[in-house]
PDB file of all heavy atoms in Angstrom:
ATOM      1  N   ASP A   1     -10.076  -0.794   3.120  1.00  0.00           N
ATOM      2  CA  ASP A   1      -9.555  -0.786   1.694  1.00  0.00           C
ATOM      3  C   ASP A   1      -8.930   0.610   1.473  1.00  0.00           C
ATOM      4  O   ASP A   1      -8.022   0.673   0.504  1.00  0.00           O
ATOM      5  CB  ASP A   1     -10.648  -1.143   0.638  1.00  0.00           C
ATOM      6  CG  ASP A   1     -11.809  -0.213   0.756  1.00  0.00           C
ATOM      7  OD1 ASP A   1     -12.676  -0.460   1.631  1.00  0.00           O
ATOM      8  OD2 ASP A   1     -11.930   0.661   0.000  1.00  0.00           O
ATOM      9  N   ALA A   2      -9.228   1.625   2.053  1.00  0.00           N
ATOM     10  CA  ALA A   2      -8.617   2.957   1.887  1.00  0.00           C
ATOM     11  C   ALA A   2      -7.192   2.893   2.357  1.00  0.00           C
ATOM     12  O   ALA A   2      -6.341   3.673   1.795  1.00  0.00           O
ATOM     13  CB  ALA A   2      -9.385   4.091   2.595  1.00  0.00           C
ATOM     14  N   LEU A   3      -6.851   2.184   3.363  1.00  0.00           N
ATOM     15  CA  LEU A   3      -5.486   2.044   3.759  1.00  0.00           C
ATOM     16  C   LEU A   3      -4.687   0.878   3.077  1.00  0.00           C
ATOM     17  O   LEU A   3      -3.520   0.967   3.007  1.00  0.00           O
ATOM     18  CB  LEU A   3      -5.429   1.621   5.360  1.00  0.00           C
ATOM     19  CG  LEU A   3      -5.872   2.790   6.263  1.00  0.00           C
ATOM     20  CD1 LEU A   3      -5.761   2.268   7.652  1.00  0.00           C
ATOM     21  CD2 LEU A   3      -4.902   4.004   6.163  1.00  0.00           C
ATOM     22  N   CYS A   4      -5.391  -0.129   2.712  1.00  0.00           N
ATOM     23  CA  CYS A   4      -4.674  -1.293   2.225  1.00  0.00           C
ATOM     24  C   CYS A   4      -5.230  -1.726   0.846  1.00  0.00           C
ATOM     25  O   CYS A   4      -5.651  -2.855   0.569  1.00  0.00           O
ATOM     26  CB  CYS A   4      -4.849  -2.383   3.167  1.00  0.00           C
ATOM     27  SG  CYS A   4      -4.167  -2.205   4.826  1.00  0.00           S
ATOM     28  N   PRO A   5      -4.990  -0.915  -0.168  1.00  0.00           N
ATOM     29  CA  PRO A   5      -5.407  -1.365  -1.533  1.00  0.00           C
ATOM     30  C   PRO A   5      -4.437  -2.296  -2.046  1.00  0.00           C
ATOM     31  O   PRO A   5      -3.271  -2.413  -1.588  1.00  0.00           O
ATOM     32  CB  PRO A   5      -5.359   0.054  -2.358  1.00  0.00           C
ATOM     33  CG  PRO A   5      -4.370   0.846  -1.609  1.00  0.00           C
ATOM     34  CD  PRO A   5      -4.513   0.445  -0.023  1.00  0.00           C
ATOM     35  N   ARG A   6      -4.920  -3.024  -3.090  1.00  0.00           N
ATOM     36  CA  ARG A   6      -4.064  -4.024  -3.772  1.00  0.00           C
ATOM     37  C   ARG A   6      -2.862  -3.356  -4.243  1.00  0.00           C
ATOM     38  O   ARG A   6      -2.949  -2.334  -4.870  1.00  0.00           O
ATOM     39  CB  ARG A   6      -4.844  -4.675  -4.815  1.00  0.00           C
ATOM     40  CG  ARG A   6      -4.112  -5.811  -5.550  1.00  0.00           C
ATOM     41  CD  ARG A   6      -5.015  -6.457  -6.557  1.00  0.00           C
ATOM     42  NE  ARG A   6      -6.218  -7.049  -6.115  1.00  0.00           N
ATOM     43  CZ  ARG A   6      -6.260  -8.262  -5.733  1.00  0.00           C
ATOM     44  NH1 ARG A   6      -5.072  -8.984  -5.764  1.00  0.00           N
ATOM     45  NH2 ARG A   6      -7.327  -8.770  -5.082  1.00  0.00           N
ATOM     46  N   ARG A   7      -1.621  -3.851  -3.897  1.00  0.00           N
ATOM     47  CA  ARG A   7      -0.369  -3.323  -4.324  1.00  0.00           C
ATOM     48  C   ARG A   7      -0.028  -3.853  -5.686  1.00  0.00           C
ATOM     49  O   ARG A   7      -0.518  -4.850  -6.084  1.00  0.00           O
ATOM     50  CB  ARG A   7       0.748  -3.662  -3.362  1.00  0.00           C
ATOM     51  CG  ARG A   7       0.605  -2.909  -1.969  1.00  0.00           C
ATOM     52  CD  ARG A   7       1.652  -3.376  -1.142  1.00  0.00           C
ATOM     53  NE  ARG A   7       1.406  -4.699  -0.542  1.00  0.00           N
ATOM     54  CZ  ARG A   7       2.074  -5.399   0.326  1.00  0.00           C
ATOM     55  NH1 ARG A   7       3.123  -4.893   0.826  1.00  0.00           N
ATOM     56  NH2 ARG A   7       1.750  -6.649   0.684  1.00  0.00           N
ATOM     57  N   GLY A   8       0.944  -3.103  -6.258  1.00  0.00           N
ATOM     58  CA  GLY A   8       1.361  -3.565  -7.700  1.00  0.00           C
ATOM     59  C   GLY A   8       0.970  -2.421  -8.623  1.00  0.00           C
ATOM     60  O   GLY A   8      -0.078  -1.764  -8.463  1.00  0.00           O
ATOM     61  N   GLY A   9       1.788  -2.171  -9.612  1.00  0.00           N
ATOM     62  CA  GLY A   9       1.488  -1.206 -10.550  1.00  0.00           C
ATOM     63  C   GLY A   9       2.460   0.081 -10.311  1.00  0.00           C
ATOM     64  O   GLY A   9       2.978   0.148  -9.190  1.00  0.00           O
ATOM     65  N   PRO A  10       2.418   0.902 -11.329  1.00  0.00           N
ATOM     66  CA  PRO A  10       3.295   2.021 -11.216  1.00  0.00           C
ATOM     67  C   PRO A  10       2.793   3.052 -10.184  1.00  0.00           C
ATOM     68  O   PRO A  10       1.630   3.250  -9.984  1.00  0.00           O
ATOM     69  CB  PRO A  10       3.382   2.505 -12.664  1.00  0.00           C
ATOM     70  CG  PRO A  10       2.102   2.136 -13.207  1.00  0.00           C
ATOM     71  CD  PRO A  10       1.748   0.889 -12.527  1.00  0.00           C
ATOM     72  N   HIS A  11       3.716   3.848  -9.689  1.00  0.00           N
ATOM     73  CA  HIS A  11       3.352   5.051  -8.882  1.00  0.00           C
ATOM     74  C   HIS A  11       2.566   4.726  -7.611  1.00  0.00           C
ATOM     75  O   HIS A  11       1.633   5.443  -7.314  1.00  0.00           O
ATOM     76  CB  HIS A  11       2.672   6.049  -9.708  1.00  0.00           C
ATOM     77  CG  HIS A  11       3.336   6.352 -11.032  1.00  0.00           C
ATOM     78  ND1 HIS A  11       4.597   6.871 -11.070  1.00  0.00           N
ATOM     79  CD2 HIS A  11       2.979   6.083 -12.322  1.00  0.00           C
ATOM     80  CE1 HIS A  11       4.938   6.882 -12.411  1.00  0.00           C
ATOM     81  NE2 HIS A  11       3.935   6.446 -13.150  1.00  0.00           N
ATOM     82  N   GLN A  12       2.856   3.569  -6.969  1.00  0.00           N
ATOM     83  CA  GLN A  12       2.098   3.222  -5.703  1.00  0.00           C
ATOM     84  C   GLN A  12       3.003   3.158  -4.566  1.00  0.00           C
ATOM     85  O   GLN A  12       2.571   2.453  -3.592  1.00  0.00           O
ATOM     86  CB  GLN A  12       1.327   1.946  -5.933  1.00  0.00           C
ATOM     87  CG  GLN A  12       0.172   2.179  -6.942  1.00  0.00           C
ATOM     88  CD  GLN A  12      -0.722   0.911  -6.878  1.00  0.00           C
ATOM     89  OE1 GLN A  12      -0.452  -0.139  -6.419  1.00  0.00           O
ATOM     90  NE2 GLN A  12      -2.007   1.072  -7.361  1.00  0.00           N
ATOM     91  N   ALA A  13       4.169   3.823  -4.551  1.00  0.00           N
ATOM     92  CA  ALA A  13       5.117   3.656  -3.401  1.00  0.00           C
ATOM     93  C   ALA A  13       4.492   4.174  -2.006  1.00  0.00           C
ATOM     94  O   ALA A  13       4.544   3.456  -1.002  1.00  0.00           O
ATOM     95  CB  ALA A  13       6.354   4.439  -3.805  1.00  0.00           C
ATOM     96  N   PRO A  14       3.719   5.252  -2.110  1.00  0.00           N
ATOM     97  CA  PRO A  14       3.205   5.710  -0.813  1.00  0.00           C
ATOM     98  C   PRO A  14       2.108   4.707  -0.352  1.00  0.00           C
ATOM     99  O   PRO A  14       2.088   4.401   0.876  1.00  0.00           O
ATOM    100  CB  PRO A  14       2.388   6.953  -1.117  1.00  0.00           C
ATOM    101  CG  PRO A  14       3.194   7.537  -2.291  1.00  0.00           C
ATOM    102  CD  PRO A  14       3.614   6.290  -3.151  1.00  0.00           C
ATOM    103  N   GLU A  15       1.268   4.082  -1.122  1.00  0.00           N
ATOM    104  CA  GLU A  15       0.238   3.197  -0.816  1.00  0.00           C
ATOM    105  C   GLU A  15       0.949   1.923  -0.334  1.00  0.00           C
ATOM    106  O   GLU A  15       0.477   1.359   0.720  1.00  0.00           O
ATOM    107  CB  GLU A  15      -0.640   2.895  -1.925  1.00  0.00           C
ATOM    108  CG  GLU A  15      -1.628   3.961  -2.296  1.00  0.00           C
ATOM    109  CD  GLU A  15      -1.017   5.016  -3.268  1.00  0.00           C
ATOM    110  OE1 GLU A  15       0.095   4.843  -3.700  1.00  0.00           O
ATOM    111  OE2 GLU A  15      -1.761   5.859  -3.638  1.00  0.00           O
ATOM    112  N   SER A  16       2.065   1.440  -0.958  1.00  0.00           N
ATOM    113  CA  SER A  16       2.737   0.279  -0.537  1.00  0.00           C
ATOM    114  C   SER A  16       3.331   0.515   0.908  1.00  0.00           C
ATOM    115  O   SER A  16       3.374  -0.563   1.625  1.00  0.00           O
ATOM    116  CB  SER A  16       3.912   0.094  -1.488  1.00  0.00           C
ATOM    117  OG  SER A  16       3.290  -0.378  -2.757  1.00  0.00           O
ATOM    118  N   ARG A  17       3.902   1.685   1.172  1.00  0.00           N
ATOM    119  CA  ARG A  17       4.341   1.920   2.452  1.00  0.00           C
ATOM    120  C   ARG A  17       3.318   1.830   3.560  1.00  0.00           C
ATOM    121  O   ARG A  17       3.444   1.284   4.624  1.00  0.00           O
ATOM    122  CB  ARG A  17       5.046   3.244   2.647  1.00  0.00           C
ATOM    123  CG  ARG A  17       6.338   3.230   1.865  1.00  0.00           C
ATOM    124  CD  ARG A  17       7.217   4.443   2.092  1.00  0.00           C
ATOM    125  NE  ARG A  17       6.549   5.790   2.004  1.00  0.00           N
ATOM    126  CZ  ARG A  17       6.488   6.463   0.801  1.00  0.00           C
ATOM    127  NH1 ARG A  17       7.225   5.909  -0.162  1.00  0.00           N
ATOM    128  NH2 ARG A  17       5.815   7.521   0.688  1.00  0.00           N
ATOM    129  N   VAL A  18       2.079   2.237   3.314  1.00  0.00           N
ATOM    130  CA  VAL A  18       0.965   2.260   4.195  1.00  0.00           C
ATOM    131  C   VAL A  18       0.533   0.793   4.392  1.00  0.00           C
ATOM    132  O   VAL A  18       0.343   0.395   5.575  1.00  0.00           O
ATOM    133  CB  VAL A  18      -0.170   3.208   3.827  1.00  0.00           C
ATOM    134  CG1 VAL A  18      -1.301   2.957   4.716  1.00  0.00           C
ATOM    135  CG2 VAL A  18       0.221   4.621   3.738  1.00  0.00           C
ATOM    136  N   VAL A  19       0.383   0.112   3.319  1.00  0.00           N
ATOM    137  CA  VAL A  19       0.110  -1.338   3.482  1.00  0.00           C
ATOM    138  C   VAL A  19       1.101  -2.055   4.267  1.00  0.00           C
ATOM    139  O   VAL A  19       0.735  -2.807   5.192  1.00  0.00           O
ATOM    140  CB  VAL A  19      -0.173  -1.963   2.107  1.00  0.00           C
ATOM    141  CG1 VAL A  19      -0.393  -3.467   2.243  1.00  0.00           C
ATOM    142  CG2 VAL A  19      -1.315  -1.342   1.324  1.00  0.00           C
ATOM    143  N   ALA A  20       2.317  -1.913   4.045  1.00  0.00           N
ATOM    144  CA  ALA A  20       3.332  -2.565   4.737  1.00  0.00           C
ATOM    145  C   ALA A  20       3.343  -2.188   6.267  1.00  0.00           C
ATOM    146  O   ALA A  20       3.483  -3.005   7.117  1.00  0.00           O
ATOM    147  CB  ALA A  20       4.764  -2.100   4.188  1.00  0.00           C
ATOM    148  N   GLN A  21       2.974  -0.933   6.523  1.00  0.00           N
ATOM    149  CA  GLN A  21       2.914  -0.496   7.887  1.00  0.00           C
ATOM    150  C   GLN A  21       1.782  -1.127   8.696  1.00  0.00           C
ATOM    151  O   GLN A  21       1.916  -1.600   9.710  1.00  0.00           O
ATOM    152  CB  GLN A  21       2.665   1.097   7.962  1.00  0.00           C
ATOM    153  CG  GLN A  21       2.589   1.604   9.456  1.00  0.00           C
ATOM    154  CD  GLN A  21       3.954   1.438  10.220  1.00  0.00           C
ATOM    155  OE1 GLN A  21       4.747   2.234  10.016  1.00  0.00           O
ATOM    156  NE2 GLN A  21       4.003   0.430  11.040  1.00  0.00           N
ATOM    157  N   VAL A  22       0.531  -1.296   7.972  1.00  0.00           N
ATOM    158  CA  VAL A  22      -0.567  -1.916   8.554  1.00  0.00           C
ATOM    159  C   VAL A  22      -0.329  -3.426   8.817  1.00  0.00           C
ATOM    160  O   VAL A  22      -0.596  -3.900   9.862  1.00  0.00           O
ATOM    161  CB  VAL A  22      -1.821  -1.781   7.714  1.00  0.00           C
ATOM    162  CG1 VAL A  22      -2.962  -2.584   8.141  1.00  0.00           C
ATOM    163  CG2 VAL A  22      -2.264  -0.243   7.596  1.00  0.00           C
ATOM    164  N   LEU A  23       0.419  -4.066   7.872  1.00  0.00           N
ATOM    165  CA  LEU A  23       0.625  -5.477   7.964  1.00  0.00           C
ATOM    166  C   LEU A  23       1.588  -5.669   9.082  1.00  0.00           C
ATOM    167  O   LEU A  23       1.381  -6.684   9.976  1.00  0.00           O
ATOM    168  CB  LEU A  23       1.284  -5.968   6.653  1.00  0.00           C
ATOM    169  CG  LEU A  23       0.304  -5.971   5.513  1.00  0.00           C
ATOM    170  CD1 LEU A  23       1.129  -6.492   4.303  1.00  0.00           C
ATOM    171  CD2 LEU A  23      -0.945  -6.786   5.639  1.00  0.00           C
ATOM    172  N   THR A  24       2.610  -4.918   9.267  1.00  0.00           N
ATOM    173  CA  THR A  24       3.559  -4.963  10.411  1.00  0.00           C
ATOM    174  C   THR A  24       2.813  -4.794  11.684  1.00  0.00           C
ATOM    175  O   THR A  24       3.090  -5.558  12.573  1.00  0.00           O
ATOM    176  CB  THR A  24       4.755  -3.996  10.211  1.00  0.00           C
ATOM    177  OG1 THR A  24       5.470  -4.182   9.010  1.00  0.00           O
ATOM    178  CG2 THR A  24       5.630  -3.955  11.450  1.00  0.00           C
TER     179      THR A  24
END
């Protein structure tokens, strides 16, 4: 969960990139 927190909401661009990387 430290790498892949639920996306959505303001100011989460870095987290979204990490989640996208893990999913890929």
